C-alpha atoms as a PDB file:
ATOM      1  CA  MET A   1       7.234   3.513 -22.553  1.00  0.00           C
ATOM      2  CA  ALA A   2       9.669   5.668 -20.619  1.00  0.00           C
ATOM      3  CA  LEU A   3      12.600   3.489 -19.603  1.00  0.00           C
ATOM      4  CA  LEU A   4      15.001   4.773 -16.982  1.00  0.00           C
ATOM      5  CA  ALA A   5      18.190   2.919 -16.047  1.00  0.00           C
ATOM      6  CA  ALA A   6      20.701   3.584 -13.292  1.00  0.00           C
ATOM      7  CA  ALA A   7      23.736   1.884 -11.860  1.00  0.00           C
ATOM      8  CA  CYS A   8      25.249   2.861  -8.556  1.00  0.00           C
ATOM      9  CA  GLY A   9      28.749   2.795  -7.147  1.00  0.00           C
ATOM     10  CA  SER A  10      29.989   0.150  -4.780  1.00  0.00           C
ATOM     11  CA  ASP A  11      29.373   0.044  -1.056  1.00  0.00           C
ATOM     12  CA  ALA A  12      29.794  -2.430   1.771  1.00  0.00           C
ATOM     13  CA  ASP A  13      27.223  -4.856   0.363  1.00  0.00           C
ATOM     14  CA  SER A  14      27.872  -4.455  -3.364  1.00  0.00           C
ATOM     15  CA  SER A  15      30.393  -7.294  -3.727  1.00  0.00           C
ATOM     16  CA  ASP A  16      27.556  -9.821  -3.486  1.00  0.00           C
ATOM     17  CA  SER A  17      25.082  -8.053  -5.759  1.00  0.00           C
ATOM     18  CA  GLY A  18      26.985  -5.857  -8.211  1.00  0.00           C
ATOM     19  CA  ASP A  19      26.436  -8.257 -11.113  1.00  0.00           C
ATOM     20  CA  ILE A  20      22.666  -8.374 -10.596  1.00  0.00           C
ATOM     21  CA  THR A  21      20.213  -6.391 -12.706  1.00  0.00           C
ATOM     22  CA  ALA A  22      16.803  -5.802 -11.176  1.00  0.00           C
ATOM     23  CA  ALA A  23      13.898  -4.387 -13.194  1.00  0.00           C
ATOM     24  CA  PHE A  24      10.830  -2.665 -11.740  1.00  0.00           C
ATOM     25  CA  VAL A  25       7.471  -2.424 -13.530  1.00  0.00           C
ATOM     26  CA  LEU A  26       5.228   0.391 -12.247  1.00  0.00           C
ATOM     27  CA  VAL A  27       1.535   0.853 -12.992  1.00  0.00           C
ATOM     28  CA  GLY A  28       1.595   4.675 -12.998  1.00  0.00           C
ATOM     29  CA  PRO A  29       3.984   7.613 -13.239  1.00  0.00           C
ATOM     30  CA  ILE A  30       6.599   7.905 -10.513  1.00  0.00           C
ATOM     31  CA  GLY A  31       5.705  11.525  -9.787  1.00  0.00           C
ATOM     32  CA  SER A  32       6.547  13.066  -6.433  1.00  0.00           C
ATOM     33  CA  ALA A  33       4.322  11.046  -4.105  1.00  0.00           C
ATOM     34  CA  GLY A  34       2.089   7.989  -4.094  1.00  0.00           C
ATOM     35  CA  TRP A  35       2.366   4.255  -4.690  1.00  0.00           C
ATOM     36  CA  ASN A  36       4.758   4.364  -7.628  1.00  0.00           C
ATOM     37  CA  TRP A  37       6.945   7.025  -6.017  1.00  0.00           C
ATOM     38  CA  ALA A  38       7.229   4.868  -2.889  1.00  0.00           C
ATOM     39  CA  HIS A  39       8.306   1.856  -4.958  1.00  0.00           C
ATOM     40  CA  ASP A  40      10.850   3.960  -6.818  1.00  0.00           C
ATOM     41  CA  GLN A  41      12.244   5.215  -3.532  1.00  0.00           C
ATOM     42  CA  GLY A  42      12.604   1.557  -2.563  1.00  0.00           C
ATOM     43  CA  ARG A  43      14.375   0.843  -5.861  1.00  0.00           C
ATOM     44  CA  GLN A  44      16.855   3.643  -5.247  1.00  0.00           C
ATOM     45  CA  TYR A  45      17.503   2.459  -1.702  1.00  0.00           C
ATOM     46  CA  ALA A  46      18.112  -1.116  -2.865  1.00  0.00           C
ATOM     47  CA  GLU A  47      20.433   0.074  -5.605  1.00  0.00           C
ATOM     48  CA  ALA A  48      22.499   2.084  -3.141  1.00  0.00           C
ATOM     49  CA  GLN A  49      22.615  -0.730  -0.593  1.00  0.00           C
ATOM     50  CA  THR A  50      23.471  -3.596  -2.933  1.00  0.00           C
ATOM     51  CA  GLY A  51      25.386  -2.155  -5.887  1.00  0.00           C
ATOM     52  CA  ALA A  52      22.945  -3.801  -8.290  1.00  0.00           C
ATOM     53  CA  THR A  53      21.942  -2.198 -11.554  1.00  0.00           C
ATOM     54  CA  THR A  54      18.272  -1.224 -11.498  1.00  0.00           C
ATOM     55  CA  LEU A  55      15.873  -0.499 -14.343  1.00  0.00           C
ATOM     56  CA  VAL A  56      12.397   0.985 -14.081  1.00  0.00           C
ATOM     57  CA  VAL A  57       9.496   1.519 -16.438  1.00  0.00           C
ATOM     58  CA  GLU A  58       6.445   3.638 -15.600  1.00  0.00           C
ATOM     59  CA  SER A  59       2.752   3.588 -16.474  1.00  0.00           C
ATOM     60  CA  ILE A  60       2.346  -0.009 -17.662  1.00  0.00           C
ATOM     61  CA  PRO A  61      -1.361  -0.984 -17.817  1.00  0.00           C
ATOM     62  CA  GLU A  62      -2.644  -4.047 -15.993  1.00  0.00           C
ATOM     63  CA  ASN A  63      -3.015  -6.260 -19.035  1.00  0.00           C
ATOM     64  CA  ALA A  64      -1.075  -9.341 -20.019  1.00  0.00           C
ATOM     65  CA  GLU A  65       0.166  -8.074 -23.373  1.00  0.00           C
ATOM     66  CA  ASP A  66       1.819  -4.942 -21.997  1.00  0.00           C
ATOM     67  CA  VAL A  67       3.229  -6.574 -18.888  1.00  0.00           C
ATOM     68  CA  LYS A  68       4.758  -9.438 -20.831  1.00  0.00           C
ATOM     69  CA  ALA A  69       6.226  -7.164 -23.509  1.00  0.00           C
ATOM     70  CA  VAL A  70       7.976  -5.003 -20.938  1.00  0.00           C
ATOM     71  CA  ALA A  71       9.276  -7.938 -18.916  1.00  0.00           C
ATOM     72  CA  ILE A  72      10.559  -9.784 -21.981  1.00  0.00           C
ATOM     73  CA  ASP A  73      12.358  -6.644 -23.125  1.00  0.00           C
ATOM     74  CA  PHE A  74      14.023  -6.341 -19.720  1.00  0.00           C
ATOM     75  CA  ILE A  75      15.107  -9.993 -19.828  1.00  0.00           C
ATOM     76  CA  GLU A  76      16.224 -10.352 -23.435  1.00  0.00           C
ATOM     77  CA  ASN A  77      17.633  -6.870 -24.106  1.00  0.00           C
ATOM     78  CA  GLU A  78      18.667  -5.601 -20.667  1.00  0.00           C
ATOM     79  CA  ASN A  79      19.808  -8.911 -19.111  1.00  0.00           C
ATOM     80  CA  ALA A  80      17.552  -8.528 -16.097  1.00  0.00           C
ATOM     81  CA  ASP A  81      17.951 -11.184 -13.394  1.00  0.00           C
ATOM     82  CA  ILE A  82      14.900 -10.116 -11.336  1.00  0.00           C
ATOM     83  CA  ILE A  83      11.566  -8.604 -12.369  1.00  0.00           C
ATOM     84  CA  PHE A  84       9.618  -6.790  -9.658  1.00  0.00           C
ATOM     85  CA  GLY A  85       5.952  -6.253 -10.617  1.00  0.00           C
ATOM     86  CA  THR A  86       4.236  -3.703  -8.409  1.00  0.00           C
ATOM     87  CA  SER A  87       0.527  -3.877  -9.172  1.00  0.00           C
ATOM     88  CA  PHE A  88      -2.177  -6.460  -8.471  1.00  0.00           C
ATOM     89  CA  GLY A  89      -3.144  -6.918 -12.123  1.00  0.00           C
ATOM     90  CA  TYR A  90       0.366  -8.032 -13.058  1.00  0.00           C
ATOM     91  CA  MET A  91       0.074 -11.281 -11.123  1.00  0.00           C
ATOM     92  CA  ASP A  92      -1.176 -13.766 -13.728  1.00  0.00           C
ATOM     93  CA  PRO A  93       1.033 -12.649 -16.630  1.00  0.00           C
ATOM     94  CA  MET A  94       4.052 -12.667 -14.310  1.00  0.00           C
ATOM     95  CA  LEU A  95       3.274 -16.236 -13.262  1.00  0.00           C
ATOM     96  CA  GLU A  96       3.131 -17.263 -16.917  1.00  0.00           C
ATOM     97  CA  LEU A  97       6.458 -15.542 -17.568  1.00  0.00           C
ATOM     98  CA  ALA A  98       8.019 -17.310 -14.592  1.00  0.00           C
ATOM     99  CA  ASP A  99       7.223 -20.628 -16.282  1.00  0.00           C
ATOM    100  CA  GLU A 100       8.662 -19.415 -19.582  1.00  0.00           C
ATOM    101  CA  TYR A 101      11.857 -18.041 -18.006  1.00  0.00           C
ATOM    102  CA  PRO A 102      12.829 -20.438 -15.202  1.00  0.00           C
ATOM    103  CA  ASP A 103      16.239 -18.809 -14.680  1.00  0.00           C
ATOM    104  CA  ILE A 104      14.735 -15.363 -13.949  1.00  0.00           C
ATOM    105  CA  VAL A 105      13.280 -14.431 -10.557  1.00  0.00           C
ATOM    106  CA  PHE A 106       9.847 -12.791 -10.547  1.00  0.00           C
ATOM    107  CA  GLU A 107       8.535 -11.002  -7.438  1.00  0.00           C
ATOM    108  CA  HIS A 108       5.004  -9.610  -7.339  1.00  0.00           C
ATOM    109  CA  ALA A 109       3.653  -6.973  -4.951  1.00  0.00           C
ATOM    110  CA  SER A 110       0.139  -7.306  -3.508  1.00  0.00           C
ATOM    111  CA  GLY A 111      -0.787 -10.670  -5.010  1.00  0.00           C
ATOM    112  CA  TYR A 112      -1.103 -14.168  -3.630  1.00  0.00           C
ATOM    113  CA  LYS A 113       0.127 -16.605  -6.291  1.00  0.00           C
ATOM    114  CA  MET A 114       3.594 -18.187  -6.354  1.00  0.00           C
ATOM    115  CA  ASN A 115       5.452 -21.260  -7.585  1.00  0.00           C
ATOM    116  CA  ASP A 116       8.148 -23.464  -6.075  1.00  0.00           C
ATOM    117  CA  THR A 117      11.098 -22.109  -7.995  1.00  0.00           C
ATOM    118  CA  ASN A 118      11.176 -18.507  -9.220  1.00  0.00           C
ATOM    119  CA  PHE A 119       7.921 -16.645  -8.528  1.00  0.00           C
ATOM    120  CA  GLY A 120       7.088 -15.179  -5.124  1.00  0.00           C
ATOM    121  CA  ASN A 121       4.958 -12.378  -3.740  1.00  0.00           C
ATOM    122  CA  PHE A 122       5.494  -9.659  -1.170  1.00  0.00           C
ATOM    123  CA  PHE A 123       3.378  -7.101   0.616  1.00  0.00           C
ATOM    124  CA  GLY A 124       3.023  -5.267   3.898  1.00  0.00           C
ATOM    125  CA  ARG A 125       0.361  -5.246   6.580  1.00  0.00           C
ATOM    126  CA  MET A 126      -0.793  -1.779   5.649  1.00  0.00           C
ATOM    127  CA  TYR A 127      -3.979  -2.428   7.576  1.00  0.00           C
ATOM    128  CA  GLN A 128      -1.970  -1.803  10.771  1.00  0.00           C
ATOM    129  CA  PRO A 129      -1.105   1.871  10.190  1.00  0.00           C
ATOM    130  CA  ARG A 130      -4.466   2.266   8.421  1.00  0.00           C
ATOM    131  CA  TYR A 131      -6.111   1.486  11.754  1.00  0.00           C
ATOM    132  CA  LEU A 132      -3.939   4.035  13.544  1.00  0.00           C
ATOM    133  CA  SER A 133      -4.725   6.679  10.921  1.00  0.00           C
ATOM    134  CA  GLY A 134      -8.414   5.936  11.454  1.00  0.00           C
ATOM    135  CA  MET A 135      -8.016   6.653  15.158  1.00  0.00           C
ATOM    136  CA  ALA A 136      -6.610  10.071  14.273  1.00  0.00           C
ATOM    137  CA  ALA A 137      -9.293  10.728  11.659  1.00  0.00           C
ATOM    138  CA  GLY A 138     -12.102   9.817  14.032  1.00  0.00           C
ATOM    139  CA  ALA A 139     -10.740  12.169  16.652  1.00  0.00           C
ATOM    140  CA  MET A 140     -10.524  15.051  14.168  1.00  0.00           C
ATOM    141  CA  SER A 141     -13.999  14.598  12.670  1.00  0.00           C
ATOM    142  CA  GLU A 142     -16.697  16.815  14.147  1.00  0.00           C
ATOM    143  CA  SER A 143     -19.511  15.661  11.867  1.00  0.00           C
ATOM    144  CA  GLY A 144     -18.836  11.937  12.264  1.00  0.00           C
ATOM    145  CA  ARG A 145     -19.010  11.603   8.486  1.00  0.00           C
ATOM    146  CA  ILE A 146     -15.730  10.597   6.836  1.00  0.00           C
ATOM    147  CA  GLY A 147     -15.197  10.106   3.108  1.00  0.00           C
ATOM    148  CA  TYR A 148     -13.042   7.373   1.576  1.00  0.00           C
ATOM    149  CA  VAL A 149     -11.891   7.732  -2.035  1.00  0.00           C
ATOM    150  CA  ALA A 150     -11.175   4.131  -3.068  1.00  0.00           C
ATOM    151  CA  ALA A 151      -9.709   2.657  -6.248  1.00  0.00           C
ATOM    152  CA  PHE A 152     -11.005  -0.895  -6.832  1.00  0.00           C
ATOM    153  CA  PRO A 153     -13.049  -3.346  -4.689  1.00  0.00           C
ATOM    154  CA  ILE A 154     -10.271  -5.923  -4.226  1.00  0.00           C
ATOM    155  CA  PRO A 155      -9.313  -7.477  -0.870  1.00  0.00           C
ATOM    156  CA  GLU A 156      -6.323  -5.157  -0.388  1.00  0.00           C
ATOM    157  CA  VAL A 157      -8.490  -2.044  -0.630  1.00  0.00           C
ATOM    158  CA  ILE A 158     -11.440  -3.498   1.296  1.00  0.00           C
ATOM    159  CA  ARG A 159      -9.102  -4.605   4.094  1.00  0.00           C
ATOM    160  CA  GLY A 160      -7.726  -1.085   4.341  1.00  0.00           C
ATOM    161  CA  ILE A 161     -11.187   0.479   4.460  1.00  0.00           C
ATOM    162  CA  ASN A 162     -12.214  -1.912   7.217  1.00  0.00           C
ATOM    163  CA  ALA A 163      -9.078  -1.328   9.283  1.00  0.00           C
ATOM    164  CA  PHE A 164      -9.455   2.432   8.934  1.00  0.00           C
ATOM    165  CA  THR A 165     -13.109   2.263   9.976  1.00  0.00           C
ATOM    166  CA  LEU A 166     -12.325   0.160  13.035  1.00  0.00           C
ATOM    167  CA  GLY A 167      -9.771   2.773  14.018  1.00  0.00           C
ATOM    168  CA  VAL A 168     -12.221   5.621  13.414  1.00  0.00           C
ATOM    169  CA  ARG A 169     -14.743   3.971  15.721  1.00  0.00           C
ATOM    170  CA  GLU A 170     -12.131   3.518  18.429  1.00  0.00           C
ATOM    171  CA  THR A 171     -12.063   7.297  18.899  1.00  0.00           C
ATOM    172  CA  ASN A 172     -15.473   8.246  17.444  1.00  0.00           C
ATOM    173  CA  PRO A 173     -17.836   5.297  18.089  1.00  0.00           C
ATOM    174  CA  THR A 174     -20.811   6.495  16.036  1.00  0.00           C
ATOM    175  CA  ALA A 175     -18.890   7.840  13.032  1.00  0.00           C
ATOM    176  CA  GLN A 176     -19.485   6.440   9.557  1.00  0.00           C
ATOM    177  CA  VAL A 177     -17.043   6.008   6.681  1.00  0.00           C
ATOM    178  CA  HIS A 178     -18.621   6.644   3.269  1.00  0.00           C
ATOM    179  CA  VAL A 179     -16.878   4.869   0.380  1.00  0.00           C
ATOM    180  CA  ASN A 180     -16.930   6.055  -3.245  1.00  0.00           C
ATOM    181  CA  TRP A 181     -15.165   3.946  -5.899  1.00  0.00           C
ATOM    182  CA  THR A 182     -13.122   5.557  -8.675  1.00  0.00           C
ATOM    183  CA  SER A 183     -12.129   2.482 -10.762  1.00  0.00           C
ATOM    184  CA  THR A 184      -8.628   3.901 -11.206  1.00  0.00           C
ATOM    185  CA  TRP A 185      -5.353   3.787  -9.307  1.00  0.00           C
ATOM    186  CA  PHE A 186      -4.126   7.113 -10.645  1.00  0.00           C
ATOM    187  CA  ASP A 187      -6.304   9.819 -12.130  1.00  0.00           C
ATOM    188  CA  PRO A 188      -6.022  13.090 -10.210  1.00  0.00           C
ATOM    189  CA  ALA A 189      -9.102  14.582 -11.872  1.00  0.00           C
ATOM    190  CA  VAL A 190     -11.298  11.611 -10.941  1.00  0.00           C
ATOM    191  CA  GLU A 191      -9.810  11.397  -7.444  1.00  0.00           C
ATOM    192  CA  GLY A 192     -10.417  15.104  -6.846  1.00  0.00           C
ATOM    193  CA  ASP A 193     -13.984  14.985  -8.172  1.00  0.00           C
ATOM    194  CA  THR A 194     -14.764  11.947  -5.999  1.00  0.00           C
ATOM    195  CA  ALA A 195     -13.410  13.676  -2.914  1.00  0.00           C
ATOM    196  CA  ARG A 196     -15.429  16.801  -3.659  1.00  0.00           C
ATOM    197  CA  ALA A 197     -18.606  14.717  -3.976  1.00  0.00           C
ATOM    198  CA  LEU A 198     -17.964  13.228  -0.534  1.00  0.00           C
ATOM    199  CA  LEU A 199     -17.225  16.666   0.935  1.00  0.00           C
ATOM    200  CA  GLU A 200     -20.376  18.144  -0.576  1.00  0.00           C
ATOM    201  CA  ALA A 201     -22.341  15.291   1.018  1.00  0.00           C
ATOM    202  CA  GLY A 202     -21.099  16.338   4.462  1.00  0.00           C
ATOM    203  CA  ALA A 203     -17.750  14.651   5.065  1.00  0.00           C
ATOM    204  CA  ASP A 204     -15.334  16.757   7.087  1.00  0.00           C
ATOM    205  CA  VAL A 205     -12.418  14.301   6.817  1.00  0.00           C
ATOM    206  CA  ILE A 206     -11.253  12.590   3.616  1.00  0.00           C
ATOM    207  CA  THR A 207      -8.946   9.635   3.153  1.00  0.00           C
ATOM    208  CA  MET A 208      -8.086   7.547   0.146  1.00  0.00           C
ATOM    209  CA  HIS A 209      -6.580   4.468  -1.443  1.00  0.00           C
ATOM    210  CA  GLN A 210      -5.234   6.335  -4.472  1.00  0.00           C
ATOM    211  CA  ASP A 211      -1.885   7.405  -5.867  1.00  0.00           C
ATOM    212  CA  SER A 212      -2.127  11.185  -6.082  1.00  0.00           C
ATOM    213  CA  PRO A 213      -2.718  13.895  -3.444  1.00  0.00           C
ATOM    214  CA  ALA A 214      -5.756  15.227  -5.340  1.00  0.00           C
ATOM    215  CA  ALA A 215      -8.169  14.177  -2.572  1.00  0.00           C
ATOM    216  CA  GLY A 216      -6.117  16.148  -0.064  1.00  0.00           C
ATOM    217  CA  VAL A 217      -6.105  19.250  -2.223  1.00  0.00           C
ATOM    218  CA  ALA A 218      -9.897  18.991  -2.493  1.00  0.00           C
ATOM    219  CA  ALA A 219     -10.167  18.630   1.276  1.00  0.00           C
ATOM    220  CA  GLN A 220      -7.984  21.666   1.898  1.00  0.00           C
ATOM    221  CA  ASP A 221      -9.962  23.757  -0.586  1.00  0.00           C
ATOM    222  CA  ALA A 222     -13.130  22.829   1.327  1.00  0.00           C
ATOM    223  CA  GLY A 223     -11.646  23.578   4.745  1.00  0.00           C
ATOM    224  CA  ALA A 224     -11.771  19.878   5.658  1.00  0.00           C
ATOM    225  CA  ARG A 225      -9.087  17.468   6.869  1.00  0.00           C
ATOM    226  CA  TRP A 226      -7.230  14.665   5.110  1.00  0.00           C
ATOM    227  CA  VAL A 227      -5.486  11.370   5.800  1.00  0.00           C
ATOM    228  CA  ALA A 228      -3.067  10.652   2.945  1.00  0.00           C
ATOM    229  CA  TYR A 229      -1.635   7.306   1.808  1.00  0.00           C
ATOM    230  CA  ASN A 230       1.593   5.778   0.444  1.00  0.00           C
ATOM    231  CA  SER A 231       3.908   8.557   1.610  1.00  0.00           C
ATOM    232  CA  ASP A 232       3.926  11.644   3.811  1.00  0.00           C
ATOM    233  CA  MET A 233       2.079  13.949   1.421  1.00  0.00           C
ATOM    234  CA  ARG A 234       1.602  16.881   3.800  1.00  0.00           C
ATOM    235  CA  GLU A 235       3.382  19.334   1.468  1.00  0.00           C
ATOM    236  CA  PHE A 236       0.515  19.064  -1.026  1.00  0.00           C
ATOM    237  CA  ALA A 237      -2.238  20.083   1.420  1.00  0.00           C
ATOM    238  CA  PRO A 238      -0.544  21.082   4.684  1.00  0.00           C
ATOM    239  CA  ASP A 239      -3.595  22.705   6.239  1.00  0.00           C
ATOM    240  CA  ALA A 240      -5.692  19.579   5.707  1.00  0.00           C
ATOM    241  CA  PHE A 241      -3.100  16.918   6.516  1.00  0.00           C
ATOM    242  CA  ILE A 242      -3.600  14.743   9.625  1.00  0.00           C
ATOM    243  CA  THR A 243      -1.272  11.775   8.971  1.00  0.00           C
ATOM    244  CA  ALA A 244      -0.672   8.986   6.448  1.00  0.00           C
ATOM    245  CA  PRO A 245      -0.033   5.238   6.421  1.00  0.00           C
ATOM    246  CA  VAL A 246       3.254   4.961   4.498  1.00  0.00           C
ATOM    247  CA  TRP A 247       5.354   2.346   2.698  1.00  0.00           C
ATOM    248  CA  ASN A 248       9.069   1.583   3.058  1.00  0.00           C
ATOM    249  CA  TRP A 249       9.888  -0.941   0.301  1.00  0.00           C
ATOM    250  CA  GLY A 250      13.660  -0.489   0.175  1.00  0.00           C
ATOM    251  CA  PRO A 251      14.882  -3.037   2.725  1.00  0.00           C
ATOM    252  CA  ARG A 252      12.711  -5.778   1.223  1.00  0.00           C
ATOM    253  CA  TYR A 253      13.993  -5.033  -2.267  1.00  0.00           C
ATOM    254  CA  ALA A 254      17.596  -5.051  -1.062  1.00  0.00           C
ATOM    255  CA  GLU A 255      17.073  -8.324   0.793  1.00  0.00           C
ATOM    256  CA  THR A 256      15.621 -10.007  -2.304  1.00  0.00           C
ATOM    257  CA  ILE A 257      18.404  -8.777  -4.580  1.00  0.00           C
ATOM    258  CA  GLN A 258      21.032 -10.024  -2.145  1.00  0.00           C
ATOM    259  CA  ALA A 259      19.346 -13.435  -1.938  1.00  0.00           C
ATOM    260  CA  VAL A 260      19.342 -13.770  -5.716  1.00  0.00           C
ATOM    261  CA  ALA A 261      23.001 -12.743  -5.880  1.00  0.00           C
ATOM    262  CA  ALA A 262      23.943 -15.267  -3.193  1.00  0.00           C
ATOM    263  CA  GLY A 263      21.947 -18.060  -4.827  1.00  0.00           C
ATOM    264  CA  THR A 264      19.760 -18.425  -1.747  1.00  0.00           C
ATOM    265  CA  TYR A 265      16.502 -17.040  -3.169  1.00  0.00           C
ATOM    266  CA  GLU A 266      13.410 -19.110  -2.425  1.00  0.00           C
ATOM    267  CA  PRO A 267       9.942 -17.947  -3.490  1.00  0.00           C
ATOM    268  CA  GLY A 268       7.469 -17.293  -0.718  1.00  0.00           C
ATOM    269  CA  SER A 269       4.655 -15.047   0.452  1.00  0.00           C
ATOM    270  CA  TYR A 270       6.159 -12.198   2.466  1.00  0.00           C
ATOM    271  CA  TRP A 271       3.697 -10.118   4.466  1.00  0.00           C
ATOM    272  CA  GLY A 272       5.637  -7.874   6.810  1.00  0.00           C
ATOM    273  CA  GLY A 273       4.131  -5.480   9.317  1.00  0.00           C
ATOM    274  CA  MET A 274       4.997  -2.475  11.427  1.00  0.00           C
ATOM    275  CA  ALA A 275       7.474  -4.560  13.409  1.00  0.00           C
ATOM    276  CA  ASP A 276       9.425  -5.163  10.179  1.00  0.00           C
ATOM    277  CA  GLY A 277       9.384  -1.514   9.142  1.00  0.00           C
ATOM    278  CA  ILE A 278       7.808  -2.046   5.722  1.00  0.00           C
ATOM    279  CA  VAL A 279       4.741  -0.042   6.838  1.00  0.00           C
ATOM    280  CA  ALA A 280       4.485   2.851   9.280  1.00  0.00           C
ATOM    281  CA  LEU A 281       2.437   5.883  10.265  1.00  0.00           C
ATOM    282  CA  ALA A 282       3.650   9.341   9.250  1.00  0.00           C
ATOM    283  CA  PRO A 283       4.011  11.905  12.053  1.00  0.00           C
ATOM    284  CA  LEU A 284       0.706  13.331  13.231  1.00  0.00           C
ATOM    285  CA  ALA A 285      -0.348  16.908  12.589  1.00  0.00           C
ATOM    286  CA  ASP A 286       0.426  19.230  15.481  1.00  0.00           C
ATOM    287  CA  ASP A 287      -3.228  19.812  16.309  1.00  0.00           C
ATOM    288  CA  VAL A 288      -4.090  16.153  16.914  1.00  0.00           C
ATOM    289  CA  PRO A 289      -4.986  16.114  20.638  1.00  0.00           C
ATOM    290  CA  SER A 290      -2.164  14.869  22.844  1.00  0.00           C
ATOM    291  CA  ASP A 291      -4.316  12.237  24.526  1.00  0.00           C
ATOM    292  CA  VAL A 292      -5.259  10.808  21.114  1.00  0.00           C
ATOM    293  CA  ALA A 293      -1.623  10.798  20.041  1.00  0.00           C
ATOM    294  CA  GLU A 294      -0.734   8.891  23.205  1.00  0.00           C
ATOM    295  CA  ARG A 295      -3.471   6.326  22.541  1.00  0.00           C
ATOM    296  CA  ILE A 296      -2.197   5.875  18.994  1.00  0.00           C
ATOM    297  CA  ASP A 297       1.353   5.393  20.266  1.00  0.00           C
ATOM    298  CA  ASP A 298       0.161   2.804  22.772  1.00  0.00           C
ATOM    299  CA  VAL A 299      -1.730   0.804  20.130  1.00  0.00           C
ATOM    300  CA  ALA A 300       1.208   1.048  17.722  1.00  0.00           C
ATOM    301  CA  GLU A 301       3.519  -0.396  20.353  1.00  0.00           C
ATOM    302  CA  ARG A 302       1.133  -3.275  21.038  1.00  0.00           C
ATOM    303  CA  ILE A 303       1.016  -4.045  17.310  1.00  0.00           C
ATOM    304  CA  ARG A 304       4.798  -3.931  16.940  1.00  0.00           C
ATOM    305  CA  ALA A 305       5.222  -6.154  19.996  1.00  0.00           C
ATOM    306  CA  GLY A 306       2.767  -8.712  18.605  1.00  0.00           C
ATOM    307  CA  ASP A 307       0.444  -8.341  21.583  1.00  0.00           C
ATOM    308  CA  TRP A 308      -2.577  -7.334  19.497  1.00  0.00           C
ATOM    309  CA  ASP A 309      -3.625  -6.969  15.878  1.00  0.00           C
ATOM    310  CA  VAL A 310      -6.310  -4.969  14.135  1.00  0.00           C
ATOM    311  CA  PHE A 311      -8.770  -7.676  13.144  1.00  0.00           C
ATOM    312  CA  THR A 312      -9.317  -8.987  16.658  1.00  0.00           C
ATOM    313  CA  GLY A 313     -12.958  -9.525  17.632  1.00  0.00           C
ATOM    314  CA  GLU A 314     -15.625  -8.853  18.218  1.00  0.00           C
ATOM    315  CA  ILE A 315     -16.069  -7.550  14.676  1.00  0.00           C
ATOM    316  CA  ARG A 316     -19.415  -7.315  12.903  1.00  0.00           C
ATOM    317  CA  ASP A 317     -20.152  -6.695   9.238  1.00  0.00           C
ATOM    318  CA  GLN A 318     -22.520  -4.100   7.799  1.00  0.00           C
ATOM    319  CA  ALA A 319     -25.508  -6.381   8.422  1.00  0.00           C
ATOM    320  CA  GLY A 320     -24.575  -6.809  12.079  1.00  0.00           C
ATOM    321  CA  THR A 321     -23.395 -10.402  11.663  1.00  0.00           C
ATOM    322  CA  VAL A 322     -20.433 -11.361  13.840  1.00  0.00           C
ATOM    323  CA  ARG A 323     -17.505 -12.100  11.518  1.00  0.00           C
ATOM    324  CA  VAL A 324     -14.794 -12.347  14.183  1.00  0.00           C
ATOM    325  CA  ALA A 325     -15.772 -13.573  17.633  1.00  0.00           C
ATOM    326  CA  ASP A 326     -14.777 -11.737  20.778  1.00  0.00           C
ATOM    327  CA  GLY A 327     -11.127 -12.394  21.594  1.00  0.00           C
ATOM    328  CA  GLU A 328     -10.363 -14.165  18.318  1.00  0.00           C
ATOM    329  CA  THR A 329      -8.031 -12.768  15.638  1.00  0.00           C
ATOM    330  CA  MET A 330      -8.664 -13.209  11.931  1.00  0.00           C
ATOM    331  CA  ASP A 331      -6.086 -15.415  10.222  1.00  0.00           C
ATOM    332  CA  ASP A 332      -3.995 -14.243   7.276  1.00  0.00           C
ATOM    333  CA  ALA A 333      -5.920 -16.243   4.678  1.00  0.00           C
ATOM    334  CA  SER A 334      -9.205 -14.635   5.743  1.00  0.00           C
ATOM    335  CA  MET A 335      -7.689 -11.154   5.716  1.00  0.00           C
ATOM    336  CA  LEU A 336      -6.132 -11.668   2.303  1.00  0.00           C
ATOM    337  CA  ALA A 337      -9.494 -12.761   0.872  1.00  0.00           C
ATOM    338  CA  MET A 338     -11.608 -10.071   2.592  1.00  0.00           C
ATOM    339  CA  SER A 339     -14.647  -9.122   0.507  1.00  0.00           C
ATOM    340  CA  TRP A 340     -17.072  -7.597   3.046  1.00  0.00           C
ATOM    341  CA  PHE A 341     -17.320  -4.318   4.934  1.00  0.00           C
ATOM    342  CA  VAL A 342     -17.321  -3.892   8.701  1.00  0.00           C
ATOM    343  CA  GLU A 343     -20.029  -2.121  10.635  1.00  0.00           C
ATOM    344  CA  GLY A 344     -19.674   1.608  10.196  1.00  0.00           C
ATOM    345  CA  VAL A 345     -18.875   1.566   6.480  1.00  0.00           C
ATOM    346  CA  VAL A 346     -21.443   3.059   4.131  1.00  0.00           C
ATOM    347  CA  GLY A 347     -21.043   1.695   0.614  1.00  0.00           C
ATOM    348  CA  ASP A 348     -20.968  -1.531  -1.348  1.00  0.00           C
ATOM    349  CA  ALA A 349     -17.959  -3.857  -1.201  1.00  0.00           C
ATOM    350  CA  ALA A 350     -19.015  -5.402  -4.523  1.00  0.00           C
ATOM    351  CA  PRO A 351     -20.410  -2.573  -6.643  1.00  0.00           C
END
């Protein structure tokens, strides 16, 4: 376990939060891009904004024994006031710990469970920029065959695949999105091999729900294009890069730390969108056609204004069954529990 600790100097907001210690548990290495890197960027931002002491540990597996051991160490030996858990599999052990340590705040990313006192969850509506990235991908695909390197068949990932596919079909109505599962969040070798399999099967654009840029490197090596995820990864495969749905965790982390310091923290289920700034779309590649870029900008503005959202019908599933009627918008509970693929996806949502 590689434990890193940092304390920052004071700033305008630090008087409220300087006595707080916030600990972050990451499922993979921080690295230089990806899910864990984005969370660590958020940690650093929150530290600078609040004056809190922050602690971070990398590469903690999604099992109860490891998660609990790390969290207990933070609490009992590092005097942590807040534990931020940043992977889906941490949810149940964190809930158990919240009962055992009622004076400690636990915040969980990507889950759905909470209690009334000290355990809440937070996430972003990543499906919004996923849709926009799909619009760009559809426009850049000549074959109409797009590959999706996907980690695990959980609602978060399925929702992203569906949003991306709906966006693809907005600009390329007959295109198909072929999904291959990797059963890992971070394994560059597996991610690269999975991308290459999709490319060899005819995909000319690759996207992914993974933590490394390996899929993009594979796409560039094959002369194909790539939609990244988590952060603007263009430096890793600049010739392939189209855009990326990206995370901005910092303001949410700072807000939570300040609430704990002020004694105003209340657990809840935060699900912010593009209007809140927690999710966004990275700048488009220069060769994305200007008319497509304008369409993407228009849709993005409608989403931010609350005039429209991605899962607005009519939407059909793979079997052609109407799942969302024309003019209706799927509610949050249905989106958060999504377990089926939309029309246009090739693959199994429950392999």
